[in-house]
C-alpha atoms as a PDB file:
ATOM      1  CA  MET A   1     118.333  83.346 119.272  1.00  0.00           C
ATOM      2  CA  LEU A   2     117.787  84.471 115.701  1.00  0.00           C
ATOM      3  CA  SER A   3     120.433  86.754 114.214  1.00  0.00           C
ATOM      4  CA  VAL A   4     119.613  90.387 113.490  1.00  0.00           C
ATOM      5  CA  LYS A   5     119.387  89.400 109.823  1.00  0.00           C
ATOM      6  CA  GLU A   6     117.049  86.429 110.198  1.00  0.00           C
ATOM      7  CA  ASN A   7     114.845  88.201 112.722  1.00  0.00           C
ATOM      8  CA  PHE A   8     114.419  91.223 110.436  1.00  0.00           C
ATOM      9  CA  LEU A   9     113.731  89.064 107.383  1.00  0.00           C
ATOM     10  CA  ARG A  10     111.063  87.204 109.349  1.00  0.00           C
ATOM     11  CA  ALA A  11     109.382  90.565 110.050  1.00  0.00           C
ATOM     12  CA  ILE A  12     109.570  91.867 106.475  1.00  0.00           C
ATOM     13  CA  ARG A  13     107.853  88.646 105.356  1.00  0.00           C
ATOM     14  CA  GLY A  14     104.940  89.599 107.614  1.00  0.00           C
ATOM     15  CA  GLU A  15     105.731  87.018 110.282  1.00  0.00           C
ATOM     16  CA  VAL A  16     105.943  87.672 114.027  1.00  0.00           C
ATOM     17  CA  PRO A  17     109.656  87.957 114.901  1.00  0.00           C
ATOM     18  CA  GLU A  18     111.442  86.396 117.840  1.00  0.00           C
ATOM     19  CA  TYR A  19     112.182  89.845 119.287  1.00  0.00           C
ATOM     20  CA  VAL A  20     111.618  93.437 118.139  1.00  0.00           C
ATOM     21  CA  PRO A  21     113.726  93.643 114.974  1.00  0.00           C
ATOM     22  CA  ARG A  22     116.380  96.250 114.437  1.00  0.00           C
ATOM     23  CA  TYR A  23     116.658  98.058 111.117  1.00  0.00           C
ATOM     24  CA  SER A  24     119.007 100.606 109.593  1.00  0.00           C
ATOM     25  CA  ILE A  25     118.661 102.584 106.380  1.00  0.00           C
ATOM     26  CA  PHE A  26     122.432 102.163 106.068  1.00  0.00           C
ATOM     27  CA  TRP A  27     122.198  98.420 105.423  1.00  0.00           C
ATOM     28  CA  GLY A  28     121.806  99.085 101.715  1.00  0.00           C
ATOM     29  CA  ALA A  29     124.332  97.664  99.269  1.00  0.00           C
ATOM     30  CA  ARG A  30     124.982 100.386  96.700  1.00  0.00           C
ATOM     31  CA  CYS A  31     126.945 100.049  93.459  1.00  0.00           C
ATOM     32  CA  SER A  32     129.900 102.398  93.743  1.00  0.00           C
ATOM     33  CA  ILE A  33     129.522 103.395  90.083  1.00  0.00           C
ATOM     34  CA  LEU A  34     126.320 105.221  91.059  1.00  0.00           C
ATOM     35  CA  ASN A  35     128.312 107.521  93.351  1.00  0.00           C
ATOM     36  CA  GLY A  36     129.800 109.400  90.419  1.00  0.00           C
ATOM     37  CA  GLU A  37     132.574 111.620  91.787  1.00  0.00           C
ATOM     38  CA  ARG A  38     131.074 111.772  95.259  1.00  0.00           C
ATOM     39  CA  VAL A  39     133.124 110.809  98.289  1.00  0.00           C
ATOM     40  CA  ASN A  40     131.085 110.287 101.458  1.00  0.00           C
ATOM     41  CA  GLY A  41     128.169 111.824  99.586  1.00  0.00           C
ATOM     42  CA  VAL A  42     129.977 115.048  98.633  1.00  0.00           C
ATOM     43  CA  GLY A  43     130.852 115.954  95.044  1.00  0.00           C
ATOM     44  CA  LYS A  44     129.197 115.532  91.653  1.00  0.00           C
ATOM     45  CA  ASP A  45     126.852 112.609  91.001  1.00  0.00           C
ATOM     46  CA  ILE A  46     126.576 110.628  87.757  1.00  0.00           C
ATOM     47  CA  TYR A  47     124.490 113.390  86.147  1.00  0.00           C
ATOM     48  CA  GLY A  48     126.723 116.268  87.247  1.00  0.00           C
ATOM     49  CA  VAL A  49     124.583 117.477  90.175  1.00  0.00           C
ATOM     50  CA  GLU A  50     126.829 118.810  92.934  1.00  0.00           C
ATOM     51  CA  TRP A  51     126.131 117.498  96.431  1.00  0.00           C
ATOM     52  CA  ILE A  52     127.371 119.256  99.569  1.00  0.00           C
ATOM     53  CA  ASP A  53     127.646 118.429 103.277  1.00  0.00           C
ATOM     54  CA  GLU A  54     124.488 119.713 104.961  1.00  0.00           C
ATOM     55  CA  GLY A  55     126.468 120.523 108.099  1.00  0.00           C
ATOM     56  CA  SER A  56     124.380 118.644 110.661  1.00  0.00           C
ATOM     57  CA  ALA A  57     125.534 116.397 113.487  1.00  0.00           C
ATOM     58  CA  ILE A  58     124.301 113.407 111.494  1.00  0.00           C
ATOM     59  CA  LYS A  59     126.454 113.004 108.415  1.00  0.00           C
ATOM     60  CA  ALA A  60     124.408 113.653 105.280  1.00  0.00           C
ATOM     61  CA  SER A  61     124.583 115.507 101.989  1.00  0.00           C
ATOM     62  CA  ILE A  62     122.141 117.511  99.850  1.00  0.00           C
ATOM     63  CA  PRO A  63     122.223 118.966  96.318  1.00  0.00           C
ATOM     64  CA  ARG A  64     123.414 122.547  96.040  1.00  0.00           C
ATOM     65  CA  ASN A  65     120.423 124.859  95.889  1.00  0.00           C
ATOM     66  CA  ASP A  66     121.994 127.736  93.957  1.00  0.00           C
ATOM     67  CA  ILE A  67     123.193 125.925  90.821  1.00  0.00           C
ATOM     68  CA  PHE A  68     120.920 123.637  88.790  1.00  0.00           C
ATOM     69  CA  LEU A  69     121.510 121.546  85.690  1.00  0.00           C
ATOM     70  CA  LEU A  70     118.127 122.071  84.097  1.00  0.00           C
ATOM     71  CA  ASP A  71     116.120 125.303  83.790  1.00  0.00           C
ATOM     72  CA  ASP A  72     113.523 124.071  81.273  1.00  0.00           C
ATOM     73  CA  ILE A  73     112.032 120.585  81.539  1.00  0.00           C
ATOM     74  CA  ARG A  74     111.552 120.553  77.772  1.00  0.00           C
ATOM     75  CA  ARG A  75     115.348 120.502  77.384  1.00  0.00           C
ATOM     76  CA  TRP A  76     115.969 117.459  79.577  1.00  0.00           C
ATOM     77  CA  ARG A  77     117.017 115.278  76.623  1.00  0.00           C
ATOM     78  CA  ASP A  78     119.894 117.667  75.910  1.00  0.00           C
ATOM     79  CA  VAL A  79     121.031 117.936  79.521  1.00  0.00           C
ATOM     80  CA  ILE A  80     120.359 114.716  81.447  1.00  0.00           C
ATOM     81  CA  LYS A  81     122.583 111.891  80.248  1.00  0.00           C
ATOM     82  CA  PHE A  82     122.784 108.485  81.892  1.00  0.00           C
ATOM     83  CA  PRO A  83     126.423 107.272  81.775  1.00  0.00           C
ATOM     84  CA  ASP A  84     127.562 104.296  79.738  1.00  0.00           C
ATOM     85  CA  PHE A  85     128.378 101.551  82.232  1.00  0.00           C
ATOM     86  CA  SER A  86     129.054  98.810  79.684  1.00  0.00           C
ATOM     87  CA  HIS A  87     132.733  98.726  80.655  1.00  0.00           C
ATOM     88  CA  VAL A  88     132.089  97.936  84.339  1.00  0.00           C
ATOM     89  CA  ASP A  89     133.615  94.804  85.877  1.00  0.00           C
ATOM     90  CA  TRP A  90     130.634  93.903  88.062  1.00  0.00           C
ATOM     91  CA  GLU A  91     132.351  91.035  89.833  1.00  0.00           C
ATOM     92  CA  ALA A  92     135.317  93.148  90.921  1.00  0.00           C
ATOM     93  CA  MET A  93     133.121  96.120  91.861  1.00  0.00           C
ATOM     94  CA  SER A  94     130.712  94.062  93.956  1.00  0.00           C
ATOM     95  CA  LYS A  95     133.537  92.331  95.834  1.00  0.00           C
ATOM     96  CA  LYS A  96     135.026  95.717  96.694  1.00  0.00           C
ATOM     97  CA  ASP A  97     131.678  97.258  97.651  1.00  0.00           C
ATOM     98  CA  LEU A  98     130.676  94.322  99.855  1.00  0.00           C
ATOM     99  CA  LYS A  99     133.985  93.331 101.406  1.00  0.00           C
ATOM    100  CA  ASP A 100     133.432  95.014 104.781  1.00  0.00           C
ATOM    101  CA  ARG A 101     129.803  94.001 105.276  1.00  0.00           C
ATOM    102  CA  ASP A 102     128.796  92.170 108.452  1.00  0.00           C
ATOM    103  CA  PRO A 103     127.251  88.853 107.300  1.00  0.00           C
ATOM    104  CA  ASP A 104     124.962  88.844 110.353  1.00  0.00           C
ATOM    105  CA  LEU A 105     123.190  91.991 109.132  1.00  0.00           C
ATOM    106  CA  PRO A 106     120.569  92.044 106.373  1.00  0.00           C
ATOM    107  CA  LYS A 107     121.723  93.271 102.986  1.00  0.00           C
ATOM    108  CA  GLY A 108     119.310  95.636 101.335  1.00  0.00           C
ATOM    109  CA  GLY A 109     119.880  97.180  97.967  1.00  0.00           C
ATOM    110  CA  GLY A 110     118.339  98.612  94.884  1.00  0.00           C
ATOM    111  CA  MET A 111     118.989 100.212  91.553  1.00  0.00           C
ATOM    112  CA  GLY A 112     117.602 103.740  91.307  1.00  0.00           C
ATOM    113  CA  GLY A 113     114.057 104.647  92.218  1.00  0.00           C
ATOM    114  CA  SER A 114     114.344 108.184  93.587  1.00  0.00           C
ATOM    115  CA  PHE A 115     112.473 109.862  90.755  1.00  0.00           C
ATOM    116  CA  PHE A 116     111.027 112.897  92.543  1.00  0.00           C
ATOM    117  CA  GLN A 117     114.366 113.521  94.242  1.00  0.00           C
ATOM    118  CA  ALA A 118     116.124 113.313  90.897  1.00  0.00           C
ATOM    119  CA  LEU A 119     113.780 115.895  89.401  1.00  0.00           C
ATOM    120  CA  VAL A 120     114.307 118.440  92.173  1.00  0.00           C
ATOM    121  CA  SER A 121     118.059 117.832  92.224  1.00  0.00           C
ATOM    122  CA  PHE A 122     118.136 118.667  88.500  1.00  0.00           C
ATOM    123  CA  MET A 123     115.839 121.716  88.711  1.00  0.00           C
ATOM    124  CA  GLY A 124     115.311 122.707  92.347  1.00  0.00           C
ATOM    125  CA  PHE A 125     111.989 122.413  94.170  1.00  0.00           C
ATOM    126  CA  THR A 126     110.379 125.492  92.670  1.00  0.00           C
ATOM    127  CA  GLU A 127     111.099 124.757  89.020  1.00  0.00           C
ATOM    128  CA  GLY A 128     110.612 121.019  89.478  1.00  0.00           C
ATOM    129  CA  LEU A 129     107.136 121.451  90.947  1.00  0.00           C
ATOM    130  CA  ILE A 130     106.222 124.028  88.299  1.00  0.00           C
ATOM    131  CA  ALA A 131     107.303 121.518  85.644  1.00  0.00           C
ATOM    132  CA  CYS A 132     104.961 118.923  87.159  1.00  0.00           C
ATOM    133  CA  HIS A 133     102.104 121.398  86.764  1.00  0.00           C
ATOM    134  CA  GLU A 134     102.962 122.904  83.372  1.00  0.00           C
ATOM    135  CA  GLU A 135     104.669 120.049  81.526  1.00  0.00           C
ATOM    136  CA  PRO A 136     103.645 116.761  83.160  1.00  0.00           C
ATOM    137  CA  GLU A 137     104.254 114.716  80.002  1.00  0.00           C
ATOM    138  CA  GLU A 138     107.857 115.921  79.834  1.00  0.00           C
ATOM    139  CA  VAL A 139     108.361 115.092  83.507  1.00  0.00           C
ATOM    140  CA  LYS A 140     106.941 111.608  82.920  1.00  0.00           C
ATOM    141  CA  ALA A 141     109.215 111.131  79.924  1.00  0.00           C
ATOM    142  CA  LEU A 142     112.245 112.050  82.038  1.00  0.00           C
ATOM    143  CA  MET A 143     111.164 109.755  84.876  1.00  0.00           C
ATOM    144  CA  ASN A 144     110.743 106.843  82.492  1.00  0.00           C
ATOM    145  CA  TYR A 145     114.109 107.544  80.885  1.00  0.00           C
ATOM    146  CA  LEU A 146     115.727 107.248  84.319  1.00  0.00           C
ATOM    147  CA  CYS A 147     113.718 104.111  85.091  1.00  0.00           C
ATOM    148  CA  ASP A 148     114.685 102.452  81.797  1.00  0.00           C
ATOM    149  CA  ASN A 149     118.366 103.051  82.438  1.00  0.00           C
ATOM    150  CA  TYR A 150     118.380 101.897  86.043  1.00  0.00           C
ATOM    151  CA  LEU A 151     116.490  98.732  85.168  1.00  0.00           C
ATOM    152  CA  SER A 152     118.966  98.031  82.363  1.00  0.00           C
ATOM    153  CA  LEU A 153     121.526  97.463  85.158  1.00  0.00           C
ATOM    154  CA  ALA A 154     119.229  95.709  87.614  1.00  0.00           C
ATOM    155  CA  ASP A 155     119.891  92.111  86.567  1.00  0.00           C
ATOM    156  CA  LYS A 156     123.626  92.653  86.986  1.00  0.00           C
ATOM    157  CA  PHE A 157     123.017  94.210  90.378  1.00  0.00           C
ATOM    158  CA  LEU A 158     120.929  91.269  91.566  1.00  0.00           C
ATOM    159  CA  GLN A 159     123.422  88.744  90.208  1.00  0.00           C
ATOM    160  CA  TYR A 160     126.499  90.212  91.857  1.00  0.00           C
ATOM    161  CA  TYR A 161     125.166  91.941  94.981  1.00  0.00           C
ATOM    162  CA  GLN A 162     122.509  89.365  95.910  1.00  0.00           C
ATOM    163  CA  PRO A 163     120.477  91.566  98.282  1.00  0.00           C
ATOM    164  CA  ASP A 164     118.218  90.051 100.925  1.00  0.00           C
ATOM    165  CA  TYR A 165     115.534  92.616 100.078  1.00  0.00           C
ATOM    166  CA  ILE A 166     115.107  95.605  97.792  1.00  0.00           C
ATOM    167  CA  SER A 167     115.366  99.084  99.268  1.00  0.00           C
ATOM    168  CA  GLY A 168     114.140 102.223  97.529  1.00  0.00           C
ATOM    169  CA  GLY A 169     112.510 105.539  98.238  1.00  0.00           C
ATOM    170  CA  ASP A 170     111.832 109.032  97.033  1.00  0.00           C
ATOM    171  CA  ASP A 171     111.324 111.550  99.903  1.00  0.00           C
ATOM    172  CA  ILE A 172     108.275 113.126  98.329  1.00  0.00           C
ATOM    173  CA  ALA A 173     106.871 114.608 101.563  1.00  0.00           C
ATOM    174  CA  HIS A 174     107.630 117.409 104.024  1.00  0.00           C
ATOM    175  CA  GLU A 175     106.921 117.042 107.740  1.00  0.00           C
ATOM    176  CA  ARG A 176     103.565 118.810 107.330  1.00  0.00           C
ATOM    177  CA  ALA A 177     102.341 117.553 103.945  1.00  0.00           C
ATOM    178  CA  PRO A 178     103.420 115.859 100.702  1.00  0.00           C
ATOM    179  CA  PHE A 179     105.229 117.991  98.137  1.00  0.00           C
ATOM    180  CA  VAL A 180     102.709 116.969  95.467  1.00  0.00           C
ATOM    181  CA  SER A 181      98.983 116.344  95.444  1.00  0.00           C
ATOM    182  CA  LEU A 182      97.580 112.826  95.325  1.00  0.00           C
ATOM    183  CA  GLU A 183      96.366 113.611  91.802  1.00  0.00           C
ATOM    184  CA  THR A 184      99.877 114.584  90.651  1.00  0.00           C
ATOM    185  CA  PHE A 185     101.334 111.570  92.413  1.00  0.00           C
ATOM    186  CA  HIS A 186      98.939 109.228  90.600  1.00  0.00           C
ATOM    187  CA  ASP A 187      99.605 110.907  87.269  1.00  0.00           C
ATOM    188  CA  ILE A 188     103.400 111.237  87.342  1.00  0.00           C
ATOM    189  CA  PHE A 189     105.141 109.326  90.105  1.00  0.00           C
ATOM    190  CA  GLU A 190     103.026 106.327  91.108  1.00  0.00           C
ATOM    191  CA  PRO A 191     103.254 104.684  87.650  1.00  0.00           C
ATOM    192  CA  VAL A 192     107.035 104.905  87.487  1.00  0.00           C
ATOM    193  CA  TRP A 193     107.443 103.783  91.103  1.00  0.00           C
ATOM    194  CA  ARG A 194     105.208 100.810  90.331  1.00  0.00           C
ATOM    195  CA  ARG A 195     107.044  99.906  87.114  1.00  0.00           C
ATOM    196  CA  HIS A 196     110.411 100.148  88.807  1.00  0.00           C
ATOM    197  CA  LEU A 197     109.388  97.985  91.767  1.00  0.00           C
ATOM    198  CA  LYS A 198     107.622  95.420  89.574  1.00  0.00           C
ATOM    199  CA  PHE A 199     110.957  94.387  88.097  1.00  0.00           C
ATOM    200  CA  PHE A 200     112.126  93.220  91.525  1.00  0.00           C
ATOM    201  CA  LYS A 201     108.797  91.869  92.755  1.00  0.00           C
ATOM    202  CA  ASP A 202     108.547  89.716  89.636  1.00  0.00           C
ATOM    203  CA  ARG A 203     111.842  88.173  90.739  1.00  0.00           C
ATOM    204  CA  GLY A 204     110.531  87.332  94.191  1.00  0.00           C
ATOM    205  CA  TYR A 205     112.031  90.089  96.323  1.00  0.00           C
ATOM    206  CA  TYR A 206     110.545  91.688  99.392  1.00  0.00           C
ATOM    207  CA  ALA A 207     110.958  95.475  99.389  1.00  0.00           C
ATOM    208  CA  ILE A 208     111.218  98.404 101.796  1.00  0.00           C
ATOM    209  CA  HIS A 209     110.300 101.966 100.888  1.00  0.00           C
ATOM    210  CA  HIS A 210     112.033 105.012 102.359  1.00  0.00           C
ATOM    211  CA  ASN A 211     110.091 108.240 102.619  1.00  0.00           C
ATOM    212  CA  CYS A 212     110.464 110.907 105.273  1.00  0.00           C
ATOM    213  CA  GLY A 213     107.780 113.305 106.410  1.00  0.00           C
ATOM    214  CA  LYS A 214     103.982 113.128 106.325  1.00  0.00           C
ATOM    215  CA  PHE A 215     103.707 110.329 103.815  1.00  0.00           C
ATOM    216  CA  GLU A 216     100.565 108.484 104.930  1.00  0.00           C
ATOM    217  CA  THR A 217      98.529 109.879 102.007  1.00  0.00           C
ATOM    218  CA  PHE A 218     100.428 107.568  99.645  1.00  0.00           C
ATOM    219  CA  LEU A 219     100.569 104.404 101.737  1.00  0.00           C
ATOM    220  CA  ASP A 220      97.606 102.673 100.076  1.00  0.00           C
ATOM    221  CA  ASP A 221      99.453 102.921  96.759  1.00  0.00           C
ATOM    222  CA  VAL A 222     102.790 101.875  98.242  1.00  0.00           C
ATOM    223  CA  VAL A 223     101.281  98.748  99.785  1.00  0.00           C
ATOM    224  CA  ASP A 224      99.289  97.965  96.649  1.00  0.00           C
ATOM    225  CA  MET A 225     102.354  98.145  94.404  1.00  0.00           C
ATOM    226  CA  GLY A 226     104.109  95.594  96.603  1.00  0.00           C
ATOM    227  CA  TYR A 227     106.268  97.291  99.215  1.00  0.00           C
ATOM    228  CA  ASN A 228     106.434  95.258 102.415  1.00  0.00           C
ATOM    229  CA  ALA A 229     107.984  97.835 104.757  1.00  0.00           C
ATOM    230  CA  TRP A 230     108.359 101.583 105.205  1.00  0.00           C
ATOM    231  CA  ASP A 231     110.972 103.729 106.919  1.00  0.00           C
ATOM    232  CA  PRO A 232     111.525 106.022 108.806  1.00  0.00           C
ATOM    233  CA  ALA A 233     107.771 106.210 109.590  1.00  0.00           C
ATOM    234  CA  GLN A 234     107.970 109.502 111.437  1.00  0.00           C
ATOM    235  CA  PRO A 235     105.310 110.285 114.071  1.00  0.00           C
ATOM    236  CA  VAL A 236     103.847 113.166 112.059  1.00  0.00           C
ATOM    237  CA  ASN A 237     101.900 110.259 110.545  1.00  0.00           C
ATOM    238  CA  ASP A 238      99.185 108.493 112.550  1.00  0.00           C
ATOM    239  CA  LEU A 239     101.271 105.389 113.100  1.00  0.00           C
ATOM    240  CA  LYS A 240      98.873 103.611 115.436  1.00  0.00           C
ATOM    241  CA  ALA A 241      96.082 103.960 112.876  1.00  0.00           C
ATOM    242  CA  ILE A 242      98.429 102.855 110.099  1.00  0.00           C
ATOM    243  CA  LYS A 243      99.406  99.744 112.009  1.00  0.00           C
ATOM    244  CA  LYS A 244      95.771  98.958 112.738  1.00  0.00           C
ATOM    245  CA  LYS A 245      94.895  99.342 109.050  1.00  0.00           C
ATOM    246  CA  TYR A 246      97.695  97.301 107.479  1.00  0.00           C
ATOM    247  CA  GLY A 247      98.694  94.967 110.301  1.00  0.00           C
ATOM    248  CA  ASN A 248     101.778  92.917 109.484  1.00  0.00           C
ATOM    249  CA  LYS A 249     101.289  93.554 105.767  1.00  0.00           C
ATOM    250  CA  LEU A 250     103.371  96.720 106.202  1.00  0.00           C
ATOM    251  CA  LEU A 251     106.397  96.630 108.482  1.00  0.00           C
ATOM    252  CA  ILE A 252     106.710 100.030 110.198  1.00  0.00           C
ATOM    253  CA  CYS A 253     110.399 100.825 110.631  1.00  0.00           C
ATOM    254  CA  GLY A 254     111.149 103.700 112.978  1.00  0.00           C
ATOM    255  CA  GLY A 255     108.283 105.480 114.648  1.00  0.00           C
ATOM    256  CA  PHE A 256     109.908 108.203 116.701  1.00  0.00           C
ATOM    257  CA  GLU A 257     111.153 111.726 116.153  1.00  0.00           C
ATOM    258  CA  SER A 258     114.944 111.911 116.103  1.00  0.00           C
ATOM    259  CA  ARG A 259     115.452 115.678 116.190  1.00  0.00           C
ATOM    260  CA  PRO A 260     115.067 116.061 119.992  1.00  0.00           C
ATOM    261  CA  TYR A 261     118.183 113.895 120.313  1.00  0.00           C
ATOM    262  CA  LEU A 262     120.342 116.377 118.412  1.00  0.00           C
ATOM    263  CA  PRO A 263     122.893 118.325 120.474  1.00  0.00           C
ATOM    264  CA  HIS A 264     121.234 121.749 120.422  1.00  0.00           C
ATOM    265  CA  ILE A 265     118.010 120.422 122.033  1.00  0.00           C
ATOM    266  CA  ASP A 266     117.640 120.447 125.836  1.00  0.00           C
ATOM    267  CA  ILE A 267     116.464 116.939 126.750  1.00  0.00           C
ATOM    268  CA  SER A 268     117.358 114.528 129.537  1.00  0.00           C
ATOM    269  CA  GLU A 269     118.514 110.934 129.310  1.00  0.00           C
ATOM    270  CA  GLU A 270     115.320 109.706 130.963  1.00  0.00           C
ATOM    271  CA  GLU A 271     113.147 111.659 128.527  1.00  0.00           C
ATOM    272  CA  ILE A 272     114.977 110.013 125.645  1.00  0.00           C
ATOM    273  CA  ARG A 273     114.646 106.543 127.149  1.00  0.00           C
ATOM    274  CA  ALA A 274     110.965 107.107 127.944  1.00  0.00           C
ATOM    275  CA  SER A 275     110.273 108.082 124.326  1.00  0.00           C
ATOM    276  CA  VAL A 276     111.827 104.823 123.119  1.00  0.00           C
ATOM    277  CA  ARG A 277     109.709 102.797 125.540  1.00  0.00           C
ATOM    278  CA  GLN A 278     106.548 104.618 124.474  1.00  0.00           C
ATOM    279  CA  VAL A 279     107.111 103.998 120.773  1.00  0.00           C
ATOM    280  CA  MET A 280     107.881 100.336 121.331  1.00  0.00           C
ATOM    281  CA  ASP A 281     104.815  99.916 123.560  1.00  0.00           C
ATOM    282  CA  ASP A 282     102.625 101.569 120.919  1.00  0.00           C
ATOM    283  CA  LEU A 283     103.924  99.756 117.825  1.00  0.00           C
ATOM    284  CA  ALA A 284     105.733  96.531 118.718  1.00  0.00           C
ATOM    285  CA  PRO A 285     102.898  94.291 120.053  1.00  0.00           C
ATOM    286  CA  GLY A 286     101.812  91.693 117.505  1.00  0.00           C
ATOM    287  CA  GLY A 287     104.706  92.321 115.137  1.00  0.00           C
ATOM    288  CA  GLY A 288     104.733  94.637 112.153  1.00  0.00           C
ATOM    289  CA  TYR A 289     107.329  96.922 113.717  1.00  0.00           C
ATOM    290  CA  ALA A 290     111.113  97.299 113.494  1.00  0.00           C
ATOM    291  CA  PHE A 291     113.221  99.577 115.634  1.00  0.00           C
ATOM    292  CA  ILE A 292     115.412 102.092 113.849  1.00  0.00           C
ATOM    293  CA  THR A 293     118.225 104.080 115.443  1.00  0.00           C
ATOM    294  CA  VAL A 294     118.408 107.871 115.355  1.00  0.00           C
ATOM    295  CA  GLY A 295     120.808 108.327 112.494  1.00  0.00           C
ATOM    296  CA  GLY A 296     123.932 107.284 110.688  1.00  0.00           C
ATOM    297  CA  VAL A 297     127.394 108.527 111.543  1.00  0.00           C
ATOM    298  CA  ASN A 298     127.044 111.057 114.357  1.00  0.00           C
ATOM    299  CA  THR A 299     129.911 113.533 114.216  1.00  0.00           C
ATOM    300  CA  ASP A 300     128.918 115.312 117.440  1.00  0.00           C
ATOM    301  CA  PRO A 301     129.710 113.568 120.760  1.00  0.00           C
ATOM    302  CA  ILE A 302     126.445 114.714 122.382  1.00  0.00           C
ATOM    303  CA  ALA A 303     124.425 113.318 119.479  1.00  0.00           C
ATOM    304  CA  GLN A 304     126.378 110.070 119.689  1.00  0.00           C
ATOM    305  CA  GLN A 305     125.755 109.786 123.430  1.00  0.00           C
ATOM    306  CA  ARG A 306     122.031 110.301 122.926  1.00  0.00           C
ATOM    307  CA  ASN A 307     121.956 107.743 120.142  1.00  0.00           C
ATOM    308  CA  ASP A 308     123.706 105.292 122.479  1.00  0.00           C
ATOM    309  CA  TRP A 309     120.952 105.811 125.075  1.00  0.00           C
ATOM    310  CA  VAL A 310     118.307 105.105 122.437  1.00  0.00           C
ATOM    311  CA  VAL A 311     120.014 101.880 121.357  1.00  0.00           C
ATOM    312  CA  ASP A 312     120.592 100.778 124.946  1.00  0.00           C
ATOM    313  CA  GLU A 313     116.920 101.256 125.845  1.00  0.00           C
ATOM    314  CA  TYR A 314     115.885  99.259 122.802  1.00  0.00           C
ATOM    315  CA  GLU A 315     118.234  96.431 123.795  1.00  0.00           C
ATOM    316  CA  LYS A 316     116.707  96.334 127.285  1.00  0.00           C
ATOM    317  CA  ARG A 317     113.158  96.042 125.937  1.00  0.00           C
ATOM    318  CA  LYS A 318     113.389  94.094 122.689  1.00  0.00           C
ATOM    319  CA  PHE A 319     112.425  90.718 124.212  1.00  0.00           C
ATOM    320  CA  ASP A 320     109.372  92.043 126.074  1.00  0.00           C
ATOM    321  CA  TYR A 321     106.750  91.722 123.326  1.00  0.00           C
ATOM    322  CA  TYR A 322     106.813  88.234 121.794  1.00  0.00           C
ATOM    323  CA  LYS A 323     106.614  85.130 123.960  1.00  0.00           C
END
């Protein structure tokens, strides 16, 4: 039987896997220097943005929404400073960052790429979106400044971390709609996403894009620029139509709604297991689909139990689709 790693890599290449692949957004290999002062996601990042624990059962962090670095996009050159990483011992850092990795799991990784998220972490959603409308050229200049600096480190990252695929993403959509129009996306964000990804595609890497929410509006562009997979592919998108349109050209990672599994929701074990079976039946046949678990580190025992049921049901069914 193929390992989890080899089976997933077969799927991201557009091939039919041996069994329904498993995928996790936590397989990424991240340079610890990009954490800034953050520990487990909490603290100040490399720009000085303060991140806090969001307080959910699934461990995660978000930028503080009452203190922002930047109140005028025209002042970004005075405020946003990319650190000098010329002193970094990449060999020592990569050995430390990778020492506990399971070699049987795929190793994703990337260098920057969350341009919309960076903007709203600097300014907040309201001011960030207003800046896109009132000063798009300044927003583009900031995005390209970030891109230039991340790509200046990318060769070192590839040399020392040696990822199996490139992972990136930008969370530019809410569960009901994107945060920006398609016109704004094409003007501001699509070009910098494309330029950033091109660096890695030119070096032969497959790539997976992370974007939560109702993201289907942008999928034509994402596929065209060279992404091979998308997570978490939430069901607010028409996933069956998306699979029919792109086939195995776009690996759909995820496909089900995780919030009903959280501890405050009244749901039975059988309802949870039935939802897993339904998603796999809808999306797994023919390939082009990878299963993704509910979340990361569940700090609530009820959430952990429900996640265990999800994983167990996947394990029971993963060999049912490819003969």
